[in-house]
Protein backbone atom coordinates (compact mmCIF):
# COMPACT_ATOMS: atom_id res chain seq x y z
CA MET A 1 19.25 -30.90 2.49
CA ASN A 2 17.57 -27.66 3.59
CA GLU A 3 14.88 -26.40 1.27
CA TRP A 4 13.97 -22.73 0.92
CA PRO A 5 10.60 -21.78 2.42
CA LEU A 6 7.48 -21.89 0.29
CA TRP A 7 5.82 -18.54 -0.53
CA GLU A 8 2.26 -17.97 -1.76
CA ILE A 9 2.08 -15.37 -4.52
CA PHE A 10 -0.71 -12.84 -5.07
CA ILE A 11 -0.79 -10.47 -8.06
CA ARG A 12 -2.95 -7.42 -8.65
CA SER A 13 -3.56 -7.00 -12.37
CA GLN A 14 -3.62 -3.64 -14.13
CA HIS A 15 -7.39 -3.82 -14.47
CA GLY A 16 -8.11 -5.48 -11.13
CA LEU A 17 -8.93 -4.04 -7.74
CA ALA A 18 -7.85 -7.03 -5.68
CA HIS A 19 -4.82 -9.28 -5.48
CA LYS A 20 -5.43 -12.84 -6.69
CA HIS A 21 -3.54 -15.96 -5.74
CA VAL A 22 -1.55 -17.11 -8.76
CA GLY A 23 0.69 -19.82 -7.35
CA SER A 24 3.56 -20.71 -5.06
CA LEU A 25 7.33 -20.74 -5.23
CA HIS A 26 10.36 -21.40 -3.06
CA ALA A 27 12.69 -18.52 -2.17
CA ALA A 28 15.29 -17.74 0.48
CA ASP A 29 13.57 -14.54 1.64
CA ALA A 30 10.70 -12.16 0.84
CA GLN A 31 12.66 -9.99 -1.60
CA MET A 32 13.81 -13.02 -3.56
CA ALA A 33 10.21 -14.26 -3.58
CA ILE A 34 9.01 -10.93 -5.03
CA ASN A 35 11.73 -10.95 -7.69
CA ASN A 36 11.06 -14.57 -8.64
CA ALA A 37 7.27 -13.98 -8.65
CA ARG A 38 7.77 -11.05 -11.01
CA ASP A 39 9.79 -13.25 -13.37
CA VAL A 40 7.46 -16.25 -13.18
CA TYR A 41 3.97 -14.74 -12.88
CA THR A 42 4.15 -11.32 -14.61
CA ARG A 43 6.08 -11.96 -17.81
CA ARG A 44 3.72 -9.83 -19.91
CA ASN A 45 3.65 -6.76 -17.62
CA GLU A 46 0.13 -7.62 -16.48
CA GLY A 47 0.77 -6.95 -12.79
CA VAL A 48 0.93 -3.70 -10.84
CA SER A 49 1.53 -5.15 -7.37
CA ILE A 50 2.88 -8.38 -5.91
CA TRP A 51 2.24 -9.78 -2.47
CA VAL A 52 4.30 -12.68 -1.12
CA VAL A 53 3.22 -14.53 2.02
CA PRO A 54 5.11 -17.35 3.72
CA ALA A 55 2.95 -20.44 3.21
CA ALA A 56 3.66 -21.44 6.81
CA ALA A 57 1.92 -18.24 7.98
CA ILE A 58 -1.39 -19.14 6.35
CA LEU A 59 -3.97 -20.81 8.54
CA ALA A 60 -6.97 -22.40 6.86
CA SER A 61 -10.22 -23.69 8.25
CA ASN A 62 -11.13 -27.33 7.85
CA PRO A 63 -13.87 -27.89 5.22
CA ASP A 64 -15.43 -30.44 7.62
CA ASP A 65 -16.08 -27.56 10.05
CA LYS A 66 -18.11 -25.66 7.46
CA SER A 67 -21.45 -25.93 9.22
CA SER A 68 -20.24 -24.80 12.65
CA LEU A 69 -18.14 -22.03 11.13
CA PHE A 70 -20.64 -20.55 8.67
CA GLU A 71 -24.11 -21.51 9.93
CA PRO A 72 -24.30 -18.76 12.59
CA ALA A 73 -24.17 -16.13 9.81
CA HIS A 74 -27.49 -17.25 8.30
CA ASP A 75 -29.55 -15.52 10.98
CA LYS A 76 -27.68 -12.20 10.58
CA VAL A 77 -28.99 -10.95 7.24
CA TYR A 78 -27.97 -7.41 8.16
CA ARG A 79 -24.36 -8.49 7.63
CA HIS A 80 -25.01 -9.32 3.99
CA PRO A 81 -24.29 -6.48 1.56
CA THR A 82 -27.66 -6.88 -0.15
CA PHE A 83 -29.39 -5.84 3.08
CA PHE A 84 -28.38 -2.21 2.48
CA PRO A 85 -29.28 -0.11 -0.59
CA MET A 86 -26.20 1.03 -2.48
CA PRO A 87 -26.15 4.49 -4.09
CA ALA A 88 -25.57 4.35 -7.85
CA GLU A 89 -22.55 6.66 -7.62
CA VAL A 90 -20.67 4.23 -5.35
CA LYS A 91 -18.34 2.08 -7.44
CA HIS A 92 -16.19 -0.98 -6.72
CA LEU A 93 -17.54 -2.05 -3.35
């Protein structure tokens, strides 16, 4: 039996600035995934945007590689947002 592909679902809420992962579902194609995500994850009109991503397209790092992946950033403090002063009038960064 062929199973439909798995899609990861991201919703941007009415009061949010970023999409958040809310779950997964199976669908035949992207449009069906959006329609099903709307029905399953936004039943109370809380969403303003839906992203669907084929789960097979997501590549994740291995948690065991944490030190080699993230350690080099410790000596680059200038890359951290707290290194720079932020003007008070700048919002949502």
